[in-house]
Amino acid sequence: GSAGGACANTSRLQGYVGGTLISVNASNNPAYGKTAFISFAVPAGTSYQITSYPTENTSCGAGVFSVFGYQT
């Protein structure tokens, strides 16, 4: 099923390092219970950005996601 109304419970996470798209995980499946995961390395001193852009066709908001970082 879908989320009802105009929203359809899709997901899309995009990871950028230094302004370049590095990692993407997307699902247009409207079923509930989905989990999206992206992972990428960020060199010291380099900027990064994570964008939640669930759908291009409906404006349903950015969704909810968490960010975990670790250093080696």
N, C-alpha and C. Protein backbone atom coordinates (compact mmCIF):
# COMPACT_ATOMS: atom_id res chain seq x y z
N GLY A 1 0.83 -1.19 0.00
CA GLY A 1 0.00 0.00 0.00
C GLY A 1 0.86 1.23 0.00
N SER A 2 0.23 2.36 0.09
CA SER A 2 0.96 3.62 0.14
C SER A 2 0.65 4.32 1.45
N ALA A 3 1.29 5.44 1.68
CA ALA A 3 1.09 6.19 2.91
C ALA A 3 -0.25 6.91 2.90
N GLY A 4 -0.96 6.86 1.81
CA GLY A 4 -2.23 7.57 1.72
C GLY A 4 -2.02 8.98 1.23
N GLY A 5 -3.04 9.60 0.73
CA GLY A 5 -2.91 10.95 0.22
C GLY A 5 -1.93 11.00 -0.92
N ALA A 6 -1.17 12.09 -1.02
CA ALA A 6 -0.22 12.26 -2.12
C ALA A 6 1.14 11.64 -1.82
N CYS A 7 1.40 11.27 -0.55
CA CYS A 7 2.71 10.72 -0.18
C CYS A 7 2.72 9.21 -0.37
N ALA A 8 3.89 8.67 -0.70
CA ALA A 8 3.96 7.25 -1.05
C ALA A 8 5.07 6.49 -0.33
N ASN A 9 5.64 7.05 0.77
CA ASN A 9 6.63 6.35 1.59
C ASN A 9 7.82 5.84 0.78
N THR A 10 8.38 6.68 -0.05
CA THR A 10 9.60 6.32 -0.77
C THR A 10 10.80 6.88 0.00
N SER A 11 12.00 6.46 -0.38
CA SER A 11 13.19 6.97 0.32
C SER A 11 14.32 7.20 -0.67
N ARG A 12 15.18 8.15 -0.33
CA ARG A 12 16.39 8.41 -1.11
C ARG A 12 17.36 9.18 -0.22
N LEU A 13 18.49 8.58 0.08
CA LEU A 13 19.56 9.24 0.81
C LEU A 13 20.74 9.42 -0.14
N GLN A 14 21.34 10.60 -0.11
CA GLN A 14 22.48 10.90 -0.97
C GLN A 14 23.61 11.43 -0.09
N GLY A 15 24.82 10.90 -0.28
CA GLY A 15 25.98 11.35 0.46
C GLY A 15 26.98 12.05 -0.45
N TYR A 16 27.42 13.23 -0.05
CA TYR A 16 28.37 14.03 -0.83
C TYR A 16 29.64 14.24 -0.02
N VAL A 17 30.78 14.17 -0.67
CA VAL A 17 32.06 14.50 -0.06
C VAL A 17 32.74 15.54 -0.93
N GLY A 18 33.06 16.68 -0.34
CA GLY A 18 33.68 17.76 -1.10
C GLY A 18 32.82 18.22 -2.26
N GLY A 19 31.48 18.12 -2.13
CA GLY A 19 30.57 18.57 -3.18
C GLY A 19 30.30 17.55 -4.27
N THR A 20 30.92 16.36 -4.19
CA THR A 20 30.73 15.32 -5.20
C THR A 20 29.84 14.21 -4.65
N LEU A 21 28.84 13.80 -5.42
CA LEU A 21 27.97 12.71 -5.01
C LEU A 21 28.77 11.41 -4.93
N ILE A 22 28.77 10.78 -3.74
CA ILE A 22 29.59 9.60 -3.49
C ILE A 22 28.73 8.35 -3.28
N SER A 23 27.58 8.49 -2.63
CA SER A 23 26.79 7.33 -2.23
C SER A 23 25.30 7.64 -2.34
N VAL A 24 24.52 6.67 -2.85
CA VAL A 24 23.06 6.83 -2.97
C VAL A 24 22.38 5.53 -2.58
N ASN A 25 21.29 5.63 -1.85
CA ASN A 25 20.41 4.49 -1.59
C ASN A 25 18.99 4.99 -1.80
N ALA A 26 18.26 4.39 -2.73
CA ALA A 26 16.91 4.86 -3.05
C ALA A 26 15.96 3.68 -3.18
N SER A 27 14.71 3.92 -2.78
CA SER A 27 13.65 2.92 -2.94
C SER A 27 12.35 3.61 -3.29
N ASN A 28 11.76 3.24 -4.42
CA ASN A 28 10.46 3.77 -4.80
C ASN A 28 9.33 2.84 -4.37
N ASN A 29 9.67 1.75 -3.66
CA ASN A 29 8.66 0.83 -3.16
C ASN A 29 7.88 1.52 -2.04
N PRO A 30 6.56 1.62 -2.15
CA PRO A 30 5.78 2.35 -1.14
C PRO A 30 5.51 1.56 0.14
N ALA A 31 5.98 0.31 0.25
CA ALA A 31 5.71 -0.49 1.44
C ALA A 31 6.38 0.11 2.68
N TYR A 32 5.72 -0.02 3.82
CA TYR A 32 6.28 0.48 5.07
C TYR A 32 7.39 -0.44 5.56
N GLY A 33 8.12 -0.01 6.57
CA GLY A 33 9.13 -0.82 7.20
C GLY A 33 10.47 -0.83 6.48
N LYS A 34 10.71 0.13 5.61
CA LYS A 34 11.97 0.14 4.87
C LYS A 34 13.09 0.76 5.71
N THR A 35 14.30 0.34 5.42
CA THR A 35 15.50 0.91 6.01
C THR A 35 16.46 1.22 4.88
N ALA A 36 17.00 2.42 4.89
CA ALA A 36 18.00 2.81 3.88
C ALA A 36 19.31 3.07 4.61
N PHE A 37 20.42 2.68 4.00
CA PHE A 37 21.73 2.81 4.63
C PHE A 37 22.74 3.25 3.59
N ILE A 38 23.51 4.27 3.90
CA ILE A 38 24.65 4.65 3.06
C ILE A 38 25.88 4.77 3.95
N SER A 39 27.02 4.53 3.37
CA SER A 39 28.28 4.61 4.09
C SER A 39 29.33 5.17 3.15
N PHE A 40 30.15 6.09 3.65
CA PHE A 40 31.22 6.64 2.83
C PHE A 40 32.29 7.25 3.73
N ALA A 41 33.52 7.28 3.23
CA ALA A 41 34.65 7.85 3.96
C ALA A 41 34.78 9.33 3.65
N VAL A 42 35.20 10.10 4.67
CA VAL A 42 35.43 11.53 4.50
C VAL A 42 36.85 11.83 4.95
N PRO A 43 37.73 12.21 4.04
CA PRO A 43 39.10 12.55 4.43
C PRO A 43 39.13 13.73 5.40
N ALA A 44 40.12 13.75 6.28
CA ALA A 44 40.26 14.85 7.23
C ALA A 44 40.26 16.20 6.52
N GLY A 45 39.52 17.15 7.06
CA GLY A 45 39.48 18.49 6.50
C GLY A 45 38.56 18.66 5.31
N THR A 46 37.83 17.62 4.92
CA THR A 46 36.93 17.68 3.77
C THR A 46 35.48 17.79 4.25
N SER A 47 34.68 18.58 3.56
CA SER A 47 33.28 18.74 3.94
C SER A 47 32.46 17.55 3.44
N TYR A 48 31.34 17.30 4.13
CA TYR A 48 30.42 16.26 3.67
C TYR A 48 28.99 16.75 3.87
N GLN A 49 28.07 16.14 3.14
CA GLN A 49 26.66 16.49 3.23
C GLN A 49 25.84 15.23 2.99
N ILE A 50 24.77 15.07 3.76
CA ILE A 50 23.82 13.98 3.55
C ILE A 50 22.47 14.60 3.27
N THR A 51 21.85 14.22 2.17
CA THR A 51 20.57 14.78 1.76
C THR A 51 19.52 13.69 1.74
N SER A 52 18.37 13.98 2.34
CA SER A 52 17.22 13.08 2.26
C SER A 52 16.25 13.69 1.27
N TYR A 53 16.05 13.01 0.16
CA TYR A 53 15.21 13.50 -0.93
C TYR A 53 14.33 12.35 -1.37
N PRO A 54 13.24 12.07 -0.62
CA PRO A 54 12.51 10.83 -0.85
C PRO A 54 11.79 10.69 -2.19
N THR A 55 11.34 11.75 -2.79
CA THR A 55 10.61 11.59 -4.04
C THR A 55 10.64 12.87 -4.85
N GLU A 56 10.73 12.72 -6.14
CA GLU A 56 10.72 13.89 -7.01
C GLU A 56 9.31 14.29 -7.39
N ASN A 57 8.34 13.38 -7.23
CA ASN A 57 7.00 13.61 -7.76
C ASN A 57 6.01 14.18 -6.76
N THR A 58 6.27 14.06 -5.47
CA THR A 58 5.38 14.62 -4.46
C THR A 58 6.21 15.34 -3.42
N SER A 59 5.67 16.38 -2.84
CA SER A 59 6.41 17.12 -1.80
C SER A 59 5.91 16.65 -0.44
N CYS A 60 6.56 15.61 0.07
CA CYS A 60 6.13 14.99 1.33
C CYS A 60 7.12 15.24 2.46
N GLY A 61 8.07 16.10 2.29
CA GLY A 61 9.06 16.36 3.33
C GLY A 61 10.29 15.49 3.17
N ALA A 62 11.28 15.77 3.98
CA ALA A 62 12.58 15.11 3.87
C ALA A 62 12.66 13.79 4.62
N GLY A 63 11.64 13.42 5.38
CA GLY A 63 11.70 12.18 6.14
C GLY A 63 12.57 12.34 7.37
N VAL A 64 12.91 11.23 8.01
CA VAL A 64 13.69 11.23 9.24
C VAL A 64 14.86 10.28 9.06
N PHE A 65 16.06 10.72 9.42
CA PHE A 65 17.21 9.83 9.37
C PHE A 65 18.20 10.20 10.46
N SER A 66 19.09 9.28 10.80
CA SER A 66 20.13 9.49 11.80
C SER A 66 21.48 9.38 11.14
N VAL A 67 22.47 10.05 11.73
CA VAL A 67 23.84 10.02 11.21
C VAL A 67 24.76 9.53 12.33
N PHE A 68 25.58 8.54 12.00
CA PHE A 68 26.56 8.03 12.94
C PHE A 68 27.94 8.17 12.31
N GLY A 69 28.88 8.72 13.06
CA GLY A 69 30.23 8.88 12.55
C GLY A 69 31.22 8.12 13.41
N TYR A 70 32.29 7.68 12.81
CA TYR A 70 33.36 7.06 13.56
C TYR A 70 34.69 7.44 12.94
N GLN A 71 35.72 7.39 13.76
CA GLN A 71 37.05 7.79 13.30
C GLN A 71 38.01 6.64 13.54
N THR A 72 38.85 6.36 12.53
CA THR A 72 39.82 5.28 12.69
C THR A 72 41.21 5.82 12.81
